[in-house]
C-alpha atoms as a PDB file:
ATOM      1  CA  MET A   1       8.266  27.035   0.142  1.00  0.00           C
ATOM      2  CA  PRO A   2       9.051  23.436  -0.952  1.00  0.00           C
ATOM      3  CA  LYS A   3       6.518  20.810   0.024  1.00  0.00           C
ATOM      4  CA  ASN A   4       6.869  17.112   0.757  1.00  0.00           C
ATOM      5  CA  ILE A   5       5.745  13.920  -0.971  1.00  0.00           C
ATOM      6  CA  TYR A   6       4.195  11.331   1.344  1.00  0.00           C
ATOM      7  CA  PHE A   7       4.028   7.526   1.007  1.00  0.00           C
ATOM      8  CA  LEU A   8       1.930   5.170   3.147  1.00  0.00           C
ATOM      9  CA  SER A   9       0.303   1.757   2.827  1.00  0.00           C
ATOM     10  CA  ASP A  10      -1.358  -1.244   4.456  1.00  0.00           C
ATOM     11  CA  PHE A  11      -4.244   0.132   6.510  1.00  0.00           C
ATOM     12  CA  HIS A  12      -6.339  -3.062   6.157  1.00  0.00           C
ATOM     13  CA  LEU A  13      -9.508  -1.240   7.126  1.00  0.00           C
ATOM     14  CA  GLY A  14     -12.271  -3.652   8.027  1.00  0.00           C
ATOM     15  CA  ALA A  15      -9.939  -5.965   9.971  1.00  0.00           C
ATOM     16  CA  PRO A  16      -9.992  -7.513  12.446  1.00  0.00           C
ATOM     17  CA  ASP A  17     -13.333  -6.053  13.572  1.00  0.00           C
ATOM     18  CA  TYR A  18     -15.460  -2.930  13.198  1.00  0.00           C
ATOM     19  CA  ALA A  19     -14.367  -1.173  16.391  1.00  0.00           C
ATOM     20  CA  SER A  20     -10.609  -1.452  15.913  1.00  0.00           C
ATOM     21  CA  SER A  21     -10.918  -0.677  12.192  1.00  0.00           C
ATOM     22  CA  LEU A  22     -12.890   2.485  12.956  1.00  0.00           C
ATOM     23  CA  GLU A  23     -10.296   3.628  15.476  1.00  0.00           C
ATOM     24  CA  ARG A  24      -7.540   3.065  12.912  1.00  0.00           C
ATOM     25  CA  GLU A  25      -9.520   4.848  10.215  1.00  0.00           C
ATOM     26  CA  LYS A  26      -9.944   7.914  12.428  1.00  0.00           C
ATOM     27  CA  LEU A  27      -6.211   7.949  13.096  1.00  0.00           C
ATOM     28  CA  ILE A  28      -5.357   7.746   9.370  1.00  0.00           C
ATOM     29  CA  ALA A  29      -7.911  10.421   8.490  1.00  0.00           C
ATOM     30  CA  GLY A  30      -6.366  12.630  11.165  1.00  0.00           C
ATOM     31  CA  PHE A  31      -2.907  12.075   9.731  1.00  0.00           C
ATOM     32  CA  LEU A  32      -4.054  12.974   6.219  1.00  0.00           C
ATOM     33  CA  HIS A  33      -5.699  16.120   7.573  1.00  0.00           C
ATOM     34  CA  SER A  34      -2.466  17.050   9.353  1.00  0.00           C
ATOM     35  CA  ILE A  35      -0.397  16.983   6.136  1.00  0.00           C
ATOM     36  CA  LYS A  36      -2.818  18.814   3.837  1.00  0.00           C
ATOM     37  CA  ASP A  37      -0.847  22.080   3.994  1.00  0.00           C
ATOM     38  CA  ASP A  38       2.525  20.350   3.710  1.00  0.00           C
ATOM     39  CA  ALA A  39       1.938  17.752   0.981  1.00  0.00           C
ATOM     40  CA  SER A  40       2.569  18.322  -2.701  1.00  0.00           C
ATOM     41  CA  GLU A  41       1.671  14.714  -3.585  1.00  0.00           C
ATOM     42  CA  ILE A  42       0.612  11.504  -1.820  1.00  0.00           C
ATOM     43  CA  PHE A  43       1.207   7.871  -2.787  1.00  0.00           C
ATOM     44  CA  VAL A  44      -1.027   5.242  -1.172  1.00  0.00           C
ATOM     45  CA  VAL A  45       0.686   1.949  -1.863  1.00  0.00           C
ATOM     46  CA  GLY A  46      -1.986  -0.717  -1.475  1.00  0.00           C
ATOM     47  CA  ASP A  47      -4.134  -2.643   0.987  1.00  0.00           C
ATOM     48  CA  ILE A  48      -6.125   0.347   2.164  1.00  0.00           C
ATOM     49  CA  PHE A  49      -8.924  -2.122   2.777  1.00  0.00           C
ATOM     50  CA  ASP A  50      -8.804  -5.672   4.004  1.00  0.00           C
ATOM     51  CA  PHE A  51     -11.152  -6.388   1.140  1.00  0.00           C
ATOM     52  CA  TRP A  52     -12.621  -4.240  -1.632  1.00  0.00           C
ATOM     53  CA  TYR A  53     -14.876  -5.124  -4.529  1.00  0.00           C
ATOM     54  CA  GLU A  54     -16.767  -2.712  -6.751  1.00  0.00           C
ATOM     55  CA  TYR A  55     -20.054  -4.092  -7.935  1.00  0.00           C
ATOM     56  CA  ARG A  56     -21.702  -2.166 -10.755  1.00  0.00           C
ATOM     57  CA  LYS A  57     -23.829  -0.099  -8.366  1.00  0.00           C
ATOM     58  CA  VAL A  58     -22.411  -1.081  -4.958  1.00  0.00           C
ATOM     59  CA  VAL A  59     -19.166  -0.506  -3.074  1.00  0.00           C
ATOM     60  CA  PRO A  60     -18.344  -1.828   0.423  1.00  0.00           C
ATOM     61  CA  LYS A  61     -20.076  -0.057   3.282  1.00  0.00           C
ATOM     62  CA  GLY A  62     -18.120   2.324   5.489  1.00  0.00           C
ATOM     63  CA  TYR A  63     -14.758   4.098   5.283  1.00  0.00           C
ATOM     64  CA  VAL A  64     -16.443   7.499   4.806  1.00  0.00           C
ATOM     65  CA  ARG A  65     -13.879   9.318   6.977  1.00  0.00           C
ATOM     66  CA  LEU A  66     -10.975   8.108   4.891  1.00  0.00           C
ATOM     67  CA  LEU A  67     -12.708   8.556   1.553  1.00  0.00           C
ATOM     68  CA  GLY A  68     -13.807  12.043   2.573  1.00  0.00           C
ATOM     69  CA  GLN A  69     -10.240  13.029   3.436  1.00  0.00           C
ATOM     70  CA  LEU A  70      -8.951  11.678   0.135  1.00  0.00           C
ATOM     71  CA  ALA A  71     -11.641  13.574  -1.775  1.00  0.00           C
ATOM     72  CA  GLY A  72     -10.856  16.780   0.119  1.00  0.00           C
ATOM     73  CA  LEU A  73      -7.161  16.489  -0.686  1.00  0.00           C
ATOM     74  CA  THR A  74      -7.676  15.931  -4.404  1.00  0.00           C
ATOM     75  CA  ASP A  75     -10.293  18.702  -4.493  1.00  0.00           C
ATOM     76  CA  ALA A  76      -7.619  20.977  -3.003  1.00  0.00           C
ATOM     77  CA  GLY A  77      -5.325  20.122  -5.924  1.00  0.00           C
ATOM     78  CA  ILE A  78      -3.052  17.604  -4.162  1.00  0.00           C
ATOM     79  CA  PRO A  79      -2.412  14.625  -6.500  1.00  0.00           C
ATOM     80  CA  ILE A  80      -2.950  11.215  -4.918  1.00  0.00           C
ATOM     81  CA  HIS A  81      -1.832   7.927  -6.508  1.00  0.00           C
ATOM     82  CA  PHE A  82      -3.178   4.539  -5.486  1.00  0.00           C
ATOM     83  CA  PHE A  83      -1.552   1.151  -6.093  1.00  0.00           C
ATOM     84  CA  VAL A  84      -3.790  -1.862  -5.604  1.00  0.00           C
ATOM     85  CA  GLY A  85      -2.649  -4.474  -3.111  1.00  0.00           C
ATOM     86  CA  ASN A  86      -3.439  -8.132  -2.770  1.00  0.00           C
ATOM     87  CA  HIS A  87      -6.409  -7.354  -0.490  1.00  0.00           C
ATOM     88  CA  ASP A  88      -7.974  -4.610  -2.608  1.00  0.00           C
ATOM     89  CA  MET A  89      -6.984  -5.713  -6.098  1.00  0.00           C
ATOM     90  CA  TRP A  90     -10.572  -5.724  -7.389  1.00  0.00           C
ATOM     91  CA  MET A  91     -10.730  -2.021  -8.090  1.00  0.00           C
ATOM     92  CA  LYS A  92     -12.619  -0.689 -11.115  1.00  0.00           C
ATOM     93  CA  ASP A  93     -13.276   3.004 -11.608  1.00  0.00           C
ATOM     94  CA  TYR A  94     -14.739   4.249  -8.319  1.00  0.00           C
ATOM     95  CA  PHE A  95     -11.539   5.950  -7.160  1.00  0.00           C
ATOM     96  CA  GLN A  96     -10.950   7.516 -10.549  1.00  0.00           C
ATOM     97  CA  GLN A  97     -14.486   8.850 -10.968  1.00  0.00           C
ATOM     98  CA  GLU A  98     -15.386   9.819  -7.400  1.00  0.00           C
ATOM     99  CA  LEU A  99     -12.016  10.806  -5.949  1.00  0.00           C
ATOM    100  CA  ASN A 100      -9.960  11.741  -9.027  1.00  0.00           C
ATOM    101  CA  ILE A 101      -7.290   9.245  -7.958  1.00  0.00           C
ATOM    102  CA  PRO A 102      -5.494   7.169 -10.621  1.00  0.00           C
ATOM    103  CA  VAL A 103      -5.211   3.466  -9.848  1.00  0.00           C
ATOM    104  CA  TYR A 104      -2.168   1.350 -10.789  1.00  0.00           C
ATOM    105  CA  TYR A 105      -2.013  -2.431 -10.930  1.00  0.00           C
ATOM    106  CA  GLU A 106       1.732  -2.888 -11.382  1.00  0.00           C
ATOM    107  CA  PRO A 107       4.879  -1.110 -10.108  1.00  0.00           C
ATOM    108  CA  LYS A 108       5.401   2.196 -11.844  1.00  0.00           C
ATOM    109  CA  GLU A 109       8.341   4.534 -12.345  1.00  0.00           C
ATOM    110  CA  PHE A 110       8.178   8.168 -11.228  1.00  0.00           C
ATOM    111  CA  VAL A 111      10.789  10.922 -11.361  1.00  0.00           C
ATOM    112  CA  ARG A 112      10.577  13.697  -8.791  1.00  0.00           C
ATOM    113  CA  ASN A 113      13.150  16.475  -8.494  1.00  0.00           C
ATOM    114  CA  GLY A 114      15.637  14.410 -10.467  1.00  0.00           C
ATOM    115  CA  LYS A 115      15.250  11.353  -8.228  1.00  0.00           C
ATOM    116  CA  LYS A 116      14.012   8.147  -9.780  1.00  0.00           C
ATOM    117  CA  PHE A 117      11.434   6.019  -7.907  1.00  0.00           C
ATOM    118  CA  LEU A 118       9.990   2.563  -8.546  1.00  0.00           C
ATOM    119  CA  ILE A 119       6.765   2.296  -6.563  1.00  0.00           C
ATOM    120  CA  GLY A 120       4.343  -0.615  -6.103  1.00  0.00           C
ATOM    121  CA  HIS A 121       2.540  -2.660  -3.496  1.00  0.00           C
ATOM    122  CA  GLY A 122       5.090  -5.462  -3.694  1.00  0.00           C
ATOM    123  CA  ASP A 123       2.962  -8.610  -3.761  1.00  0.00           C
ATOM    124  CA  GLY A 124       4.068 -11.294  -6.191  1.00  0.00           C
ATOM    125  CA  LEU A 125       7.498  -9.756  -6.828  1.00  0.00           C
ATOM    126  CA  GLY A 126      10.833 -11.477  -6.380  1.00  0.00           C
ATOM    127  CA  PRO A 127      11.614 -15.185  -6.090  1.00  0.00           C
ATOM    128  CA  GLY A 128       9.389 -17.894  -4.661  1.00  0.00           C
ATOM    129  CA  ASP A 129       5.755 -17.708  -3.527  1.00  0.00           C
ATOM    130  CA  HIS A 130       4.660 -19.448  -6.712  1.00  0.00           C
ATOM    131  CA  GLY A 131       1.333 -20.472  -5.211  1.00  0.00           C
ATOM    132  CA  TYR A 132       0.331 -16.876  -4.589  1.00  0.00           C
ATOM    133  CA  LYS A 133       1.577 -15.786  -8.016  1.00  0.00           C
ATOM    134  CA  ARG A 134      -0.694 -18.366  -9.664  1.00  0.00           C
ATOM    135  CA  LEU A 135      -3.582 -17.284  -7.449  1.00  0.00           C
ATOM    136  CA  LYS A 136      -2.978 -13.630  -8.317  1.00  0.00           C
ATOM    137  CA  LYS A 137      -3.279 -14.402 -12.029  1.00  0.00           C
ATOM    138  CA  ILE A 138      -6.601 -16.127 -11.369  1.00  0.00           C
ATOM    139  CA  PHE A 139      -7.960 -13.271  -9.255  1.00  0.00           C
ATOM    140  CA  ARG A 140      -6.881 -10.680 -11.838  1.00  0.00           C
ATOM    141  CA  ASN A 141      -8.599 -12.613 -14.607  1.00  0.00           C
ATOM    142  CA  PRO A 142     -11.649 -10.669 -15.888  1.00  0.00           C
ATOM    143  CA  VAL A 143     -13.768 -13.840 -15.946  1.00  0.00           C
ATOM    144  CA  CYS A 144     -12.993 -14.525 -12.280  1.00  0.00           C
ATOM    145  CA  LYS A 145     -13.912 -10.945 -11.371  1.00  0.00           C
ATOM    146  CA  TRP A 146     -17.164 -11.247 -13.312  1.00  0.00           C
ATOM    147  CA  LEU A 147     -18.068 -14.549 -11.651  1.00  0.00           C
ATOM    148  CA  PHE A 148     -17.523 -13.030  -8.217  1.00  0.00           C
ATOM    149  CA  GLY A 149     -19.611 -10.032  -9.256  1.00  0.00           C
ATOM    150  CA  ILE A 150     -22.694 -12.126  -9.991  1.00  0.00           C
ATOM    151  CA  LEU A 151     -22.800 -13.241  -6.354  1.00  0.00           C
ATOM    152  CA  PRO A 152     -25.145 -11.168  -4.197  1.00  0.00           C
ATOM    153  CA  PRO A 153     -23.062  -8.598  -2.238  1.00  0.00           C
ATOM    154  CA  LEU A 154     -23.936 -10.232   1.095  1.00  0.00           C
ATOM    155  CA  ALA A 155     -22.612 -13.613  -0.043  1.00  0.00           C
ATOM    156  CA  GLY A 156     -19.622 -12.159  -1.882  1.00  0.00           C
ATOM    157  CA  MET A 157     -18.488  -9.961   0.978  1.00  0.00           C
ATOM    158  CA  GLY A 158     -18.948 -12.804   3.458  1.00  0.00           C
ATOM    159  CA  LEU A 159     -16.766 -15.112   1.383  1.00  0.00           C
ATOM    160  CA  ALA A 160     -14.142 -12.419   0.879  1.00  0.00           C
ATOM    161  CA  ASN A 161     -13.938 -11.588   4.586  1.00  0.00           C
ATOM    162  CA  TYR A 162     -13.537 -15.291   5.389  1.00  0.00           C
ATOM    163  CA  LEU A 163     -10.643 -15.622   2.929  1.00  0.00           C
ATOM    164  CA  SER A 164      -8.998 -12.443   4.269  1.00  0.00           C
ATOM    165  CA  ARG A 165      -9.113 -13.808   7.818  1.00  0.00           C
ATOM    166  CA  ARG A 166      -7.543 -17.077   6.650  1.00  0.00           C
ATOM    167  CA  SER A 167      -4.781 -15.124   4.923  1.00  0.00           C
ATOM    168  CA  ARG A 168      -3.939 -13.259   8.129  1.00  0.00           C
ATOM    169  CA  VAL A 169      -3.947 -16.445  10.212  1.00  0.00           C
ATOM    170  CA  LYS A 170      -1.622 -18.152   7.727  1.00  0.00           C
ATOM    171  CA  THR A 171       0.734 -15.190   7.677  1.00  0.00           C
ATOM    172  CA  GLY A 172       0.865 -14.908  11.450  1.00  0.00           C
ATOM    173  CA  SER A 173       3.639 -12.795  12.955  1.00  0.00           C
ATOM    174  CA  THR A 174       6.473 -13.881  10.647  1.00  0.00           C
ATOM    175  CA  GLU A 175       6.124 -10.659   8.641  1.00  0.00           C
ATOM    176  CA  GLU A 176       7.424  -8.704  11.630  1.00  0.00           C
ATOM    177  CA  VAL A 177      10.889 -10.263  11.554  1.00  0.00           C
ATOM    178  CA  PHE A 178      13.629  -9.042   9.227  1.00  0.00           C
ATOM    179  CA  LEU A 179      14.833 -12.180   7.462  1.00  0.00           C
ATOM    180  CA  GLY A 180      18.224 -10.873   6.373  1.00  0.00           C
ATOM    181  CA  GLU A 181      19.261  -9.299   3.109  1.00  0.00           C
ATOM    182  CA  ASP A 182      19.553 -12.595   1.222  1.00  0.00           C
ATOM    183  CA  LYS A 183      16.102 -13.836   2.309  1.00  0.00           C
ATOM    184  CA  GLU A 184      14.084 -10.656   1.929  1.00  0.00           C
ATOM    185  CA  TRP A 185      12.423 -11.324  -1.437  1.00  0.00           C
ATOM    186  CA  LEU A 186      11.689  -7.671  -2.181  1.00  0.00           C
ATOM    187  CA  ILE A 187      15.343  -6.800  -1.636  1.00  0.00           C
ATOM    188  CA  THR A 188      16.240  -9.599  -4.055  1.00  0.00           C
ATOM    189  CA  TYR A 189      13.763  -8.167  -6.550  1.00  0.00           C
ATOM    190  CA  CYS A 190      15.270  -4.680  -6.220  1.00  0.00           C
ATOM    191  CA  LYS A 191      18.779  -6.017  -6.802  1.00  0.00           C
ATOM    192  CA  GLU A 192      17.647  -7.776  -9.959  1.00  0.00           C
ATOM    193  CA  VAL A 193      16.074  -4.567 -11.250  1.00  0.00           C
ATOM    194  CA  LEU A 194      19.274  -2.644 -10.493  1.00  0.00           C
ATOM    195  CA  LYS A 195      21.205  -4.937 -12.817  1.00  0.00           C
ATOM    196  CA  LYS A 196      19.218  -3.432 -15.702  1.00  0.00           C
ATOM    197  CA  GLU A 197      18.281   0.063 -14.544  1.00  0.00           C
ATOM    198  CA  ASN A 198      19.155   2.356 -11.652  1.00  0.00           C
ATOM    199  CA  PHE A 199      16.582   3.769  -9.257  1.00  0.00           C
ATOM    200  CA  ASP A 200      17.310   6.069  -6.351  1.00  0.00           C
ATOM    201  CA  PHE A 201      14.427   4.699  -4.307  1.00  0.00           C
ATOM    202  CA  PHE A 202      12.323   1.532  -4.376  1.00  0.00           C
ATOM    203  CA  VAL A 203       9.139   2.117  -2.356  1.00  0.00           C
ATOM    204  CA  PHE A 204       6.885  -0.850  -1.532  1.00  0.00           C
ATOM    205  CA  GLY A 205       4.299  -1.961   1.007  1.00  0.00           C
ATOM    206  CA  HIS A 206       2.880  -5.452   1.596  1.00  0.00           C
ATOM    207  CA  ARG A 207       5.664  -6.588   3.908  1.00  0.00           C
ATOM    208  CA  HIS A 208       4.116  -5.014   7.066  1.00  0.00           C
ATOM    209  CA  LEU A 209       7.581  -4.310   8.403  1.00  0.00           C
ATOM    210  CA  PRO A 210       9.094  -0.805   8.096  1.00  0.00           C
ATOM    211  CA  ILE A 211      12.495  -1.184   6.417  1.00  0.00           C
ATOM    212  CA  ASP A 212      15.021   1.358   5.143  1.00  0.00           C
ATOM    213  CA  HIS A 213      17.763  -0.667   3.460  1.00  0.00           C
ATOM    214  CA  ARG A 214      20.690   0.627   1.417  1.00  0.00           C
ATOM    215  CA  LEU A 215      21.080  -1.448  -1.736  1.00  0.00           C
ATOM    216  CA  THR A 216      24.036   0.442  -3.244  1.00  0.00           C
ATOM    217  CA  SER A 217      25.733   3.756  -2.607  1.00  0.00           C
ATOM    218  CA  THR A 218      23.042   5.437  -4.725  1.00  0.00           C
ATOM    219  CA  SER A 219      19.953   3.274  -4.190  1.00  0.00           C
ATOM    220  CA  ARG A 220      17.688   2.392  -1.247  1.00  0.00           C
ATOM    221  CA  TYR A 221      14.768   0.069  -0.607  1.00  0.00           C
ATOM    222  CA  ILE A 222      11.963   1.471   1.547  1.00  0.00           C
ATOM    223  CA  ASN A 223       9.183  -0.707   2.883  1.00  0.00           C
ATOM    224  CA  LEU A 224       6.394   1.385   4.341  1.00  0.00           C
ATOM    225  CA  GLY A 225       5.376  -0.966   7.141  1.00  0.00           C
ATOM    226  CA  ASP A 226       1.726  -0.662   8.144  1.00  0.00           C
ATOM    227  CA  TRP A 227      -0.882   1.240  10.141  1.00  0.00           C
ATOM    228  CA  ILE A 228      -1.746  -1.730  12.331  1.00  0.00           C
ATOM    229  CA  SER A 229       1.407  -2.134  14.429  1.00  0.00           C
ATOM    230  CA  TYR A 230       3.835   0.578  13.315  1.00  0.00           C
ATOM    231  CA  TYR A 231       1.852   3.537  11.885  1.00  0.00           C
ATOM    232  CA  THR A 232       4.755   4.269   9.561  1.00  0.00           C
ATOM    233  CA  TYR A 233       5.059   6.408   6.467  1.00  0.00           C
ATOM    234  CA  ALA A 234       7.816   7.907   4.301  1.00  0.00           C
ATOM    235  CA  VAL A 235       8.444  11.545   3.390  1.00  0.00           C
ATOM    236  CA  PHE A 236      10.458  12.783   0.422  1.00  0.00           C
ATOM    237  CA  ASP A 237      11.650  16.379   0.827  1.00  0.00           C
ATOM    238  CA  GLY A 238      13.015  16.753  -2.697  1.00  0.00           C
ATOM    239  CA  GLU A 239      16.453  15.390  -1.855  1.00  0.00           C
ATOM    240  CA  ASP A 240      16.109  12.496   0.551  1.00  0.00           C
ATOM    241  CA  ILE A 241      13.437  10.143   1.838  1.00  0.00           C
ATOM    242  CA  LYS A 242      12.798   9.446   5.524  1.00  0.00           C
ATOM    243  CA  LEU A 243      10.802   6.599   7.047  1.00  0.00           C
ATOM    244  CA  THR A 244       9.107   7.568  10.299  1.00  0.00           C
ATOM    245  CA  SER A 245       6.210   6.650  12.619  1.00  0.00           C
ATOM    246  CA  PHE A 246       3.113   8.708  13.350  1.00  0.00           C
ATOM    247  CA  ARG A 247       2.915   7.117  16.808  1.00  0.00           C
ATOM    248  CA  GLY A 248       6.536   7.316  17.833  1.00  0.00           C
ATOM    249  CA  LYS A 249       7.578   3.748  17.057  1.00  0.00           C
ATOM    250  CA  GLU A 250      10.870   4.791  15.482  1.00  0.00           C
ATOM    251  CA  GLU A 251      12.790   2.061  17.298  1.00  0.00           C
ATOM    252  CA  LYS A 252      10.794  -0.582  15.405  1.00  0.00           C
ATOM    253  CA  ILE A 253      12.002   0.589  11.995  1.00  0.00           C
ATOM    254  CA  ILE A 254      14.703  -1.613  10.450  1.00  0.00           C
ATOM    255  CA  ARG A 255      17.488   0.669   9.220  1.00  0.00           C
ATOM    256  CA  ASN A 256      20.339  -1.035   7.390  1.00  0.00           C
ATOM    257  CA  TRP A 257      22.867   1.512   6.222  1.00  0.00           C
END
């Protein structure tokens, strides 16, 4: 019997506080448990954590329910792929060694059942946002990562959590409004890619707004939304991809056909 491929992103575990993060983590772990007999493959497309940094011998405290579910799925032979986001970009080898999950730092092409996908978190793509693009280069720099790593974990995590909170305050609620085809920078990015190469599906996160947008008669852009407001994910059945909500918020999904 054919199985499905699942895509989800933007859990931001750790935010805004321990209690609400734990409730969200339990919900996500429950969802992953519910698809274990149905999934042939799972793509987690960034910002699992509101912040993540792997010291040489230390990883952030918590998240054992989620990590346990991920380990159980890969142990059962279900491939899981993880794309780093702008909040958890400082990955090293913990996921690869402990969970058998490959980690990708840039968008990557996949072909499944003859359908061509371009998958990535989505941060720093498309026009504009030059300030963040410069900042991303700094954060990805090995020297910057090393300098952060020499801070004691208590100081480093405190600084990181402060910066994450500032990022959310600056972003505000504007991410929850569809800006129109010409102003959605990830749609612009997809259109530029299509000028050089065709993809059936572009799958991104980061935007925090669930969007299913037809780019051409043969290509669609899917934004996975989040598990903070929408609890949305996508399912590919071998022929088509469907964006849906685990908590029945279908009416919040932007569908432009």
